[in-house]
């Protein structure tokens, strides 16, 4: 199921279990994962996009390795809050994933995530442009996922999702 509300995501996933965060680009997919307690998001890898089937196979292998119970996809709304062309591409990706595996998918507002991560990489870590390019997608996925994790932590626990 595709969800836009963090409360619905909190109800859709069990109380513990890793989440995977994705920053979908036209050429790459940044991937991050949480710990099973969902406290910290960490960059994992960047998948160079080819076609959906091999990209999904890599994604599902990462999900299986980490016992992932839900996905958080960066939702690329325009600065005005309007849905642009990239939103439709992200929705299509989520629907294609759901045709293969029934898993809760949360669409999380990603406005300015990549620029925030790049700014941090320059200011805090003084990384060169080449090194930033290698790491920015997975780091942006972690930034997106951490925002969702923080919002999920503020959700009241129900008996169903504590199990």
N, C-alpha and C. Protein backbone atom coordinates (compact mmCIF):
# COMPACT_ATOMS: atom_id res chain seq x y z
N UNK A 1 0.82 -1.17 0.00
CA UNK A 1 0.00 0.00 0.00
C UNK A 1 0.87 1.24 0.00
N UNK A 2 0.48 2.24 -0.76
CA UNK A 2 1.20 3.50 -0.82
C UNK A 2 0.55 4.46 0.16
N UNK A 3 1.36 5.02 1.05
CA UNK A 3 0.86 5.88 2.12
C UNK A 3 1.50 7.26 2.03
N UNK A 4 0.75 8.28 2.39
CA UNK A 4 1.28 9.64 2.45
C UNK A 4 1.31 10.16 3.88
N UNK A 5 0.73 9.41 4.81
CA UNK A 5 0.59 9.85 6.20
C UNK A 5 1.45 8.97 7.10
N UNK A 6 2.27 9.61 7.93
CA UNK A 6 3.17 8.86 8.81
C UNK A 6 2.39 8.04 9.83
N UNK A 7 1.21 8.53 10.26
CA UNK A 7 0.38 7.76 11.18
C UNK A 7 -0.10 6.46 10.56
N UNK A 8 -0.45 6.52 9.29
CA UNK A 8 -0.88 5.30 8.58
C UNK A 8 0.29 4.33 8.44
N UNK A 9 1.49 4.87 8.24
CA UNK A 9 2.67 4.01 8.15
C UNK A 9 2.93 3.35 9.49
N UNK A 10 2.78 4.10 10.57
CA UNK A 10 2.99 3.54 11.91
C UNK A 10 2.05 2.37 12.17
N UNK A 11 0.84 2.47 11.66
CA UNK A 11 -0.13 1.38 11.82
C UNK A 11 0.14 0.22 10.88
N UNK A 12 0.77 0.49 9.75
CA UNK A 12 0.95 -0.54 8.72
C UNK A 12 2.16 -1.44 8.97
N UNK A 13 3.13 -0.96 9.74
CA UNK A 13 4.34 -1.76 9.97
C UNK A 13 4.34 -2.29 11.40
N UNK A 14 5.01 -3.42 11.63
CA UNK A 14 5.14 -3.90 13.01
C UNK A 14 5.97 -2.93 13.85
N UNK A 15 5.95 -3.10 15.15
CA UNK A 15 6.63 -2.19 16.06
C UNK A 15 8.14 -2.15 15.89
N UNK A 16 8.74 -3.20 15.39
CA UNK A 16 10.17 -3.22 15.11
C UNK A 16 10.40 -3.80 13.73
N UNK A 17 11.57 -3.57 13.23
CA UNK A 17 11.94 -4.04 11.90
C UNK A 17 12.49 -2.89 11.10
N UNK A 18 13.50 -3.16 10.31
CA UNK A 18 14.17 -2.12 9.54
C UNK A 18 13.27 -1.55 8.46
N UNK A 19 13.53 -0.29 8.16
CA UNK A 19 12.93 0.38 7.01
C UNK A 19 14.04 0.72 6.04
N UNK A 20 13.71 0.75 4.77
CA UNK A 20 14.66 1.15 3.75
C UNK A 20 14.20 2.48 3.19
N UNK A 21 15.11 3.43 3.05
CA UNK A 21 14.81 4.73 2.46
C UNK A 21 15.42 4.81 1.08
N UNK A 22 14.67 5.39 0.14
CA UNK A 22 15.14 5.51 -1.23
C UNK A 22 15.06 6.95 -1.70
N UNK A 23 16.11 7.40 -2.35
CA UNK A 23 16.12 8.68 -3.04
C UNK A 23 16.21 8.35 -4.52
N UNK A 24 15.06 8.42 -5.20
CA UNK A 24 14.98 8.02 -6.60
C UNK A 24 15.42 9.17 -7.51
N UNK A 25 16.45 8.93 -8.28
CA UNK A 25 16.88 9.88 -9.29
C UNK A 25 16.65 9.28 -10.66
N UNK A 26 16.92 10.04 -11.68
CA UNK A 26 16.72 9.51 -13.03
C UNK A 26 17.81 8.52 -13.41
N UNK A 27 19.02 8.69 -12.83
CA UNK A 27 20.13 7.79 -13.14
C UNK A 27 20.55 6.88 -12.00
N UNK A 28 20.17 7.25 -10.78
CA UNK A 28 20.59 6.47 -9.61
C UNK A 28 19.46 6.37 -8.60
N UNK A 29 19.60 5.40 -7.70
CA UNK A 29 18.72 5.25 -6.55
C UNK A 29 19.61 5.23 -5.32
N UNK A 30 19.50 6.25 -4.49
CA UNK A 30 20.22 6.25 -3.23
C UNK A 30 19.46 5.38 -2.25
N UNK A 31 20.19 4.54 -1.52
CA UNK A 31 19.56 3.59 -0.60
C UNK A 31 20.14 3.78 0.80
N UNK A 32 19.25 3.85 1.79
CA UNK A 32 19.63 3.91 3.19
C UNK A 32 18.79 2.90 3.96
N UNK A 33 19.27 2.51 5.12
CA UNK A 33 18.53 1.55 5.95
C UNK A 33 18.53 2.03 7.40
N UNK A 34 17.48 1.65 8.10
CA UNK A 34 17.43 1.92 9.53
C UNK A 34 17.85 0.67 10.29
N UNK A 35 18.14 0.86 11.56
CA UNK A 35 18.33 -0.28 12.44
C UNK A 35 16.94 -0.86 12.72
N UNK A 36 16.84 -2.09 13.24
CA UNK A 36 15.52 -2.69 13.50
C UNK A 36 14.66 -1.89 14.50
N UNK A 37 15.30 -1.15 15.40
CA UNK A 37 14.54 -0.33 16.36
C UNK A 37 14.09 0.99 15.74
N UNK A 38 14.54 1.27 14.53
CA UNK A 38 14.17 2.47 13.77
C UNK A 38 14.59 3.77 14.45
N UNK A 39 15.81 3.79 14.93
CA UNK A 39 16.32 5.02 15.55
C UNK A 39 17.25 5.79 14.63
N UNK A 40 18.07 5.06 13.87
CA UNK A 40 19.11 5.71 13.07
C UNK A 40 19.06 5.21 11.62
N UNK A 41 19.12 6.16 10.70
CA UNK A 41 19.20 5.85 9.28
C UNK A 41 20.66 5.96 8.85
N UNK A 42 21.12 4.99 8.08
CA UNK A 42 22.50 4.99 7.60
C UNK A 42 22.52 4.79 6.09
N UNK A 43 23.39 5.52 5.39
CA UNK A 43 23.54 5.28 3.95
C UNK A 43 24.02 3.86 3.70
N UNK A 44 23.50 3.24 2.64
CA UNK A 44 23.88 1.87 2.31
C UNK A 44 24.65 1.82 0.99
N UNK A 45 24.00 2.26 -0.08
CA UNK A 45 24.61 2.16 -1.41
C UNK A 45 23.87 3.07 -2.38
N UNK A 46 24.42 3.16 -3.56
CA UNK A 46 23.75 3.83 -4.67
C UNK A 46 23.63 2.81 -5.80
N UNK A 47 22.42 2.63 -6.27
CA UNK A 47 22.15 1.72 -7.38
C UNK A 47 22.13 2.54 -8.67
N UNK A 48 22.97 2.18 -9.61
CA UNK A 48 22.92 2.80 -10.94
C UNK A 48 21.71 2.22 -11.67
N UNK A 49 20.80 3.08 -12.06
CA UNK A 49 19.56 2.61 -12.68
C UNK A 49 19.84 2.08 -14.09
N UNK A 50 19.17 0.95 -14.38
CA UNK A 50 19.20 0.37 -15.71
C UNK A 50 17.76 0.21 -16.16
N UNK A 51 17.18 -0.93 -15.85
CA UNK A 51 15.75 -1.18 -16.09
C UNK A 51 15.14 -1.59 -14.77
N UNK A 52 13.82 -1.49 -14.69
CA UNK A 52 13.17 -1.73 -13.40
C UNK A 52 13.47 -3.13 -12.85
N UNK A 53 13.41 -4.17 -13.65
CA UNK A 53 13.56 -5.53 -13.14
C UNK A 53 14.92 -5.76 -12.47
N UNK A 54 16.04 -5.43 -13.10
CA UNK A 54 17.32 -5.63 -12.38
C UNK A 54 17.49 -4.66 -11.20
N UNK A 55 16.97 -3.44 -11.34
CA UNK A 55 17.04 -2.50 -10.21
C UNK A 55 16.25 -3.04 -9.03
N UNK A 56 15.06 -3.57 -9.30
CA UNK A 56 14.22 -4.13 -8.24
C UNK A 56 14.86 -5.36 -7.62
N UNK A 57 15.53 -6.16 -8.41
CA UNK A 57 16.20 -7.35 -7.88
C UNK A 57 17.27 -6.94 -6.86
N UNK A 58 18.05 -5.91 -7.17
CA UNK A 58 19.06 -5.43 -6.22
C UNK A 58 18.39 -4.88 -4.97
N UNK A 59 17.31 -4.13 -5.17
CA UNK A 59 16.58 -3.54 -4.05
C UNK A 59 16.00 -4.63 -3.15
N UNK A 60 15.37 -5.65 -3.73
CA UNK A 60 14.79 -6.73 -2.93
C UNK A 60 15.86 -7.54 -2.20
N UNK A 61 17.03 -7.70 -2.82
CA UNK A 61 18.13 -8.40 -2.13
C UNK A 61 18.56 -7.60 -0.89
N UNK A 62 18.65 -6.28 -1.02
CA UNK A 62 18.98 -5.44 0.13
C UNK A 62 17.90 -5.53 1.21
N UNK A 63 16.65 -5.55 0.77
CA UNK A 63 15.53 -5.66 1.71
C UNK A 63 15.58 -6.98 2.46
N UNK A 64 15.83 -8.05 1.74
CA UNK A 64 15.87 -9.38 2.36
C UNK A 64 17.04 -9.51 3.33
N UNK A 65 18.19 -8.95 2.97
CA UNK A 65 19.37 -9.00 3.84
C UNK A 65 19.12 -8.32 5.18
N UNK A 66 18.27 -7.29 5.17
CA UNK A 66 18.03 -6.48 6.37
C UNK A 66 16.67 -6.74 7.02
N UNK A 67 15.93 -7.71 6.51
CA UNK A 67 14.58 -8.01 7.02
C UNK A 67 13.71 -6.75 7.07
N UNK A 68 13.66 -6.04 5.97
CA UNK A 68 12.94 -4.77 5.86
C UNK A 68 11.43 -5.00 5.90
N UNK A 69 10.74 -4.16 6.70
CA UNK A 69 9.28 -4.28 6.85
C UNK A 69 8.53 -3.13 6.18
N UNK A 70 9.26 -2.16 5.62
CA UNK A 70 8.60 -1.04 4.95
C UNK A 70 9.61 -0.18 4.20
N UNK A 71 9.10 0.58 3.23
CA UNK A 71 9.93 1.47 2.43
C UNK A 71 9.51 2.91 2.65
N UNK A 72 10.48 3.80 2.59
CA UNK A 72 10.23 5.24 2.60
C UNK A 72 10.85 5.78 1.33
N UNK A 73 10.01 6.31 0.45
CA UNK A 73 10.48 6.88 -0.80
C UNK A 73 10.44 8.39 -0.71
N UNK A 74 11.52 9.02 -1.14
CA UNK A 74 11.52 10.48 -1.21
C UNK A 74 10.44 10.92 -2.20
N UNK A 75 9.59 11.84 -1.77
CA UNK A 75 8.47 12.33 -2.57
C UNK A 75 8.87 13.70 -3.10
N UNK A 76 9.21 13.80 -4.38
CA UNK A 76 9.82 15.02 -4.92
C UNK A 76 8.80 16.10 -5.32
N UNK A 77 8.09 16.63 -4.34
CA UNK A 77 7.14 17.70 -4.64
C UNK A 77 7.90 18.98 -4.99
N UNK A 78 7.26 19.84 -5.74
CA UNK A 78 7.84 21.13 -6.10
C UNK A 78 7.92 22.00 -4.85
N UNK A 79 8.72 23.04 -4.90
CA UNK A 79 8.85 23.95 -3.76
C UNK A 79 7.50 24.55 -3.37
N UNK A 80 6.60 24.69 -4.34
CA UNK A 80 5.26 25.23 -4.09
C UNK A 80 4.36 24.22 -3.40
N UNK A 81 4.80 22.96 -3.31
CA UNK A 81 3.98 21.90 -2.74
C UNK A 81 3.20 21.13 -3.79
N UNK A 82 3.26 21.57 -5.03
CA UNK A 82 2.56 20.89 -6.12
C UNK A 82 3.32 19.64 -6.55
N UNK A 83 2.57 18.66 -7.04
CA UNK A 83 3.19 17.45 -7.57
C UNK A 83 3.65 17.71 -9.00
N UNK A 84 4.92 17.41 -9.26
CA UNK A 84 5.47 17.58 -10.59
C UNK A 84 5.61 16.24 -11.29
N UNK A 85 6.34 16.27 -12.41
CA UNK A 85 6.55 15.05 -13.21
C UNK A 85 7.29 13.98 -12.42
N UNK A 86 8.23 14.38 -11.59
CA UNK A 86 9.00 13.39 -10.83
C UNK A 86 8.13 12.65 -9.82
N UNK A 87 7.06 13.30 -9.35
CA UNK A 87 6.15 12.61 -8.43
C UNK A 87 5.48 11.44 -9.13
N UNK A 88 5.08 11.64 -10.38
CA UNK A 88 4.44 10.55 -11.12
C UNK A 88 5.43 9.40 -11.32
N UNK A 89 6.67 9.71 -11.60
CA UNK A 89 7.69 8.68 -11.77
C UNK A 89 7.88 7.90 -10.46
N UNK A 90 7.89 8.61 -9.34
CA UNK A 90 8.05 7.97 -8.03
C UNK A 90 6.84 7.09 -7.72
N UNK A 91 5.65 7.59 -8.00
CA UNK A 91 4.43 6.81 -7.78
C UNK A 91 4.45 5.54 -8.63
N UNK A 92 4.88 5.66 -9.89
CA UNK A 92 4.97 4.49 -10.77
C UNK A 92 5.96 3.47 -10.22
N UNK A 93 7.11 3.94 -9.72
CA UNK A 93 8.09 3.05 -9.13
C UNK A 93 7.48 2.30 -7.95
N UNK A 94 6.80 3.04 -7.07
CA UNK A 94 6.17 2.42 -5.89
C UNK A 94 5.13 1.38 -6.32
N UNK A 95 4.33 1.69 -7.31
CA UNK A 95 3.32 0.74 -7.78
C UNK A 95 3.97 -0.51 -8.36
N UNK A 96 5.06 -0.33 -9.10
CA UNK A 96 5.78 -1.48 -9.67
C UNK A 96 6.37 -2.36 -8.57
N UNK A 97 6.91 -1.73 -7.53
CA UNK A 97 7.42 -2.50 -6.39
C UNK A 97 6.28 -3.31 -5.77
N UNK A 98 5.12 -2.68 -5.60
CA UNK A 98 3.98 -3.35 -4.95
C UNK A 98 3.41 -4.48 -5.80
N UNK A 99 3.63 -4.45 -7.11
CA UNK A 99 3.19 -5.57 -7.95
C UNK A 99 4.01 -6.82 -7.66
N UNK A 100 5.23 -6.61 -7.17
CA UNK A 100 6.12 -7.73 -6.87
C UNK A 100 6.04 -8.14 -5.41
N UNK A 101 5.97 -7.15 -4.52
CA UNK A 101 5.99 -7.43 -3.08
C UNK A 101 5.04 -6.48 -2.37
N UNK A 102 4.15 -7.05 -1.57
CA UNK A 102 3.20 -6.24 -0.80
C UNK A 102 3.89 -5.76 0.48
N UNK A 103 4.26 -4.50 0.49
CA UNK A 103 4.98 -3.91 1.62
C UNK A 103 4.52 -2.46 1.76
N UNK A 104 4.37 -1.96 2.97
CA UNK A 104 3.98 -0.56 3.12
C UNK A 104 5.05 0.38 2.54
N UNK A 105 4.60 1.35 1.75
CA UNK A 105 5.49 2.33 1.14
C UNK A 105 5.00 3.72 1.55
N UNK A 106 5.85 4.45 2.25
CA UNK A 106 5.54 5.80 2.67
C UNK A 106 6.22 6.78 1.73
N UNK A 107 5.44 7.72 1.17
CA UNK A 107 5.98 8.79 0.34
C UNK A 107 6.28 9.96 1.27
N UNK A 108 7.57 10.32 1.37
CA UNK A 108 8.02 11.32 2.34
C UNK A 108 8.59 12.54 1.62
N UNK A 109 8.08 13.70 1.95
CA UNK A 109 8.49 14.96 1.33
C UNK A 109 10.02 15.09 1.39
N UNK A 110 10.63 15.18 0.23
CA UNK A 110 12.09 15.24 0.18
C UNK A 110 12.62 16.61 -0.22
N UNK A 111 11.78 17.63 -0.22
CA UNK A 111 12.24 18.95 -0.66
C UNK A 111 13.54 19.34 0.03
N UNK A 112 14.48 19.73 -0.77
CA UNK A 112 15.79 20.24 -0.33
C UNK A 112 16.68 19.20 0.35
N UNK A 113 16.32 17.93 0.32
CA UNK A 113 17.15 16.93 1.00
C UNK A 113 18.53 16.82 0.37
N UNK A 114 18.60 16.75 -0.95
CA UNK A 114 19.90 16.61 -1.60
C UNK A 114 20.76 17.85 -1.37
N UNK A 115 20.17 19.02 -1.48
CA UNK A 115 20.97 20.23 -1.27
C UNK A 115 21.42 20.34 0.18
N UNK A 116 20.59 19.92 1.12
CA UNK A 116 21.00 19.94 2.54
C UNK A 116 22.17 19.00 2.78
N UNK A 117 22.11 17.83 2.17
CA UNK A 117 23.19 16.85 2.33
C UNK A 117 24.47 17.35 1.67
N UNK A 118 24.35 17.92 0.47
CA UNK A 118 25.54 18.44 -0.20
C UNK A 118 26.17 19.58 0.61
N UNK A 119 25.35 20.45 1.15
CA UNK A 119 25.86 21.55 1.97
C UNK A 119 26.61 21.00 3.18
N UNK A 120 26.05 19.99 3.82
CA UNK A 120 26.70 19.38 4.97
C UNK A 120 28.03 18.73 4.55
N UNK A 121 28.04 18.07 3.40
CA UNK A 121 29.27 17.42 2.94
C UNK A 121 30.37 18.43 2.69
N UNK A 122 30.01 19.61 2.21
CA UNK A 122 31.01 20.65 1.95
C UNK A 122 31.44 21.31 3.25
N UNK A 123 30.47 21.74 4.06
CA UNK A 123 30.78 22.51 5.26
C UNK A 123 31.37 21.66 6.37
N UNK A 124 30.80 20.51 6.61
CA UNK A 124 31.23 19.68 7.74
C UNK A 124 32.40 18.77 7.42
N UNK A 125 32.38 18.22 6.20
CA UNK A 125 33.37 17.20 5.88
C UNK A 125 34.36 17.63 4.80
N UNK A 126 34.14 18.79 4.18
CA UNK A 126 35.03 19.34 3.17
C UNK A 126 35.34 18.31 2.08
N UNK A 127 34.29 17.62 1.60
CA UNK A 127 34.48 16.62 0.55
C UNK A 127 34.57 17.28 -0.82
N UNK A 128 35.41 16.74 -1.67
CA UNK A 128 35.53 17.25 -3.04
C UNK A 128 34.26 16.94 -3.81
N UNK A 129 34.10 17.63 -4.94
CA UNK A 129 32.92 17.42 -5.79
C UNK A 129 32.80 15.96 -6.20
N UNK A 130 33.93 15.32 -6.57
CA UNK A 130 33.90 13.92 -6.99
C UNK A 130 33.45 13.01 -5.86
N UNK A 131 33.99 13.22 -4.66
CA UNK A 131 33.61 12.38 -3.53
C UNK A 131 32.17 12.62 -3.13
N UNK A 132 31.69 13.86 -3.23
CA UNK A 132 30.28 14.15 -2.94
C UNK A 132 29.39 13.42 -3.92
N UNK A 133 29.75 13.45 -5.20
CA UNK A 133 28.94 12.79 -6.23
C UNK A 133 28.80 11.30 -5.96
N UNK A 134 29.85 10.68 -5.42
CA UNK A 134 29.81 9.25 -5.14
C UNK A 134 28.89 8.92 -3.95
N UNK A 135 28.73 9.85 -3.03
CA UNK A 135 28.05 9.56 -1.77
C UNK A 135 26.72 10.27 -1.58
N UNK A 136 26.42 11.28 -2.38
CA UNK A 136 25.29 12.15 -2.08
C UNK A 136 23.94 11.43 -2.17
N UNK A 137 23.76 10.50 -3.09
CA UNK A 137 22.46 9.85 -3.25
C UNK A 137 22.11 8.99 -2.04
N UNK A 138 23.06 8.18 -1.57
CA UNK A 138 22.79 7.35 -0.39
C UNK A 138 22.64 8.22 0.85
N UNK A 139 23.42 9.30 0.93
CA UNK A 139 23.30 10.21 2.08
C UNK A 139 21.96 10.93 2.05
N UNK A 140 21.49 11.30 0.87
CA UNK A 140 20.16 11.93 0.76
C UNK A 140 19.07 10.93 1.16
N UNK A 141 19.24 9.67 0.79
CA UNK A 141 18.28 8.65 1.21
C UNK A 141 18.25 8.52 2.72
N UNK A 142 19.42 8.60 3.36
CA UNK A 142 19.49 8.53 4.83
C UNK A 142 18.82 9.75 5.45
N UNK A 143 19.00 10.91 4.86
CA UNK A 143 18.39 12.15 5.34
C UNK A 143 16.85 12.03 5.28
N UNK A 144 16.36 11.53 4.16
CA UNK A 144 14.92 11.32 3.98
C UNK A 144 14.41 10.31 5.00
N UNK A 145 15.09 9.18 5.10
CA UNK A 145 14.67 8.13 6.02
C UNK A 145 14.70 8.62 7.46
N UNK A 146 15.73 9.37 7.84
CA UNK A 146 15.81 9.85 9.22
C UNK A 146 14.64 10.76 9.55
N UNK A 147 14.23 11.59 8.62
CA UNK A 147 13.06 12.45 8.84
C UNK A 147 11.82 11.62 9.11
N UNK A 148 11.64 10.56 8.34
CA UNK A 148 10.48 9.68 8.53
C UNK A 148 10.59 8.92 9.86
N UNK A 149 11.80 8.46 10.20
CA UNK A 149 12.00 7.75 11.47
C UNK A 149 11.66 8.65 12.65
N UNK A 150 12.10 9.91 12.59
CA UNK A 150 11.82 10.85 13.68
C UNK A 150 10.31 11.09 13.81
N UNK A 151 9.63 11.21 12.68
CA UNK A 151 8.17 11.40 12.72
C UNK A 151 7.47 10.14 13.23
N UNK A 152 7.94 8.97 12.83
CA UNK A 152 7.35 7.72 13.32
C UNK A 152 7.54 7.57 14.83
N UNK A 153 8.67 8.01 15.34
CA UNK A 153 8.93 7.91 16.78
C UNK A 153 7.97 8.77 17.59
N UNK A 154 7.42 9.80 16.97
CA UNK A 154 6.46 10.67 17.66
C UNK A 154 5.03 10.13 17.60
N UNK A 155 4.82 9.04 16.86
CA UNK A 155 3.48 8.48 16.73
C UNK A 155 3.13 7.63 17.95
N UNK A 156 1.87 7.72 18.40
CA UNK A 156 1.48 6.86 19.53
C UNK A 156 1.50 5.39 19.10
N UNK A 157 1.93 4.54 20.01
CA UNK A 157 1.97 3.10 19.74
C UNK A 157 0.59 2.50 19.93
N UNK A 158 0.20 1.60 19.03
CA UNK A 158 -1.04 0.85 19.19
C UNK A 158 -0.68 -0.58 19.51
N UNK A 159 -1.64 -1.32 20.00
CA UNK A 159 -1.37 -2.73 20.33
C UNK A 159 -0.96 -3.53 19.12
N UNK A 160 -1.56 -3.21 17.96
CA UNK A 160 -1.26 -3.97 16.74
C UNK A 160 0.19 -3.81 16.32
N UNK A 161 0.72 -2.55 16.38
CA UNK A 161 2.07 -2.38 15.86
C UNK A 161 3.14 -2.54 16.94
N UNK A 162 2.77 -2.93 18.14
CA UNK A 162 3.76 -3.23 19.17
C UNK A 162 4.19 -4.70 19.10
N UNK A 163 3.45 -5.50 18.38
CA UNK A 163 3.74 -6.94 18.30
C UNK A 163 4.98 -7.21 17.48
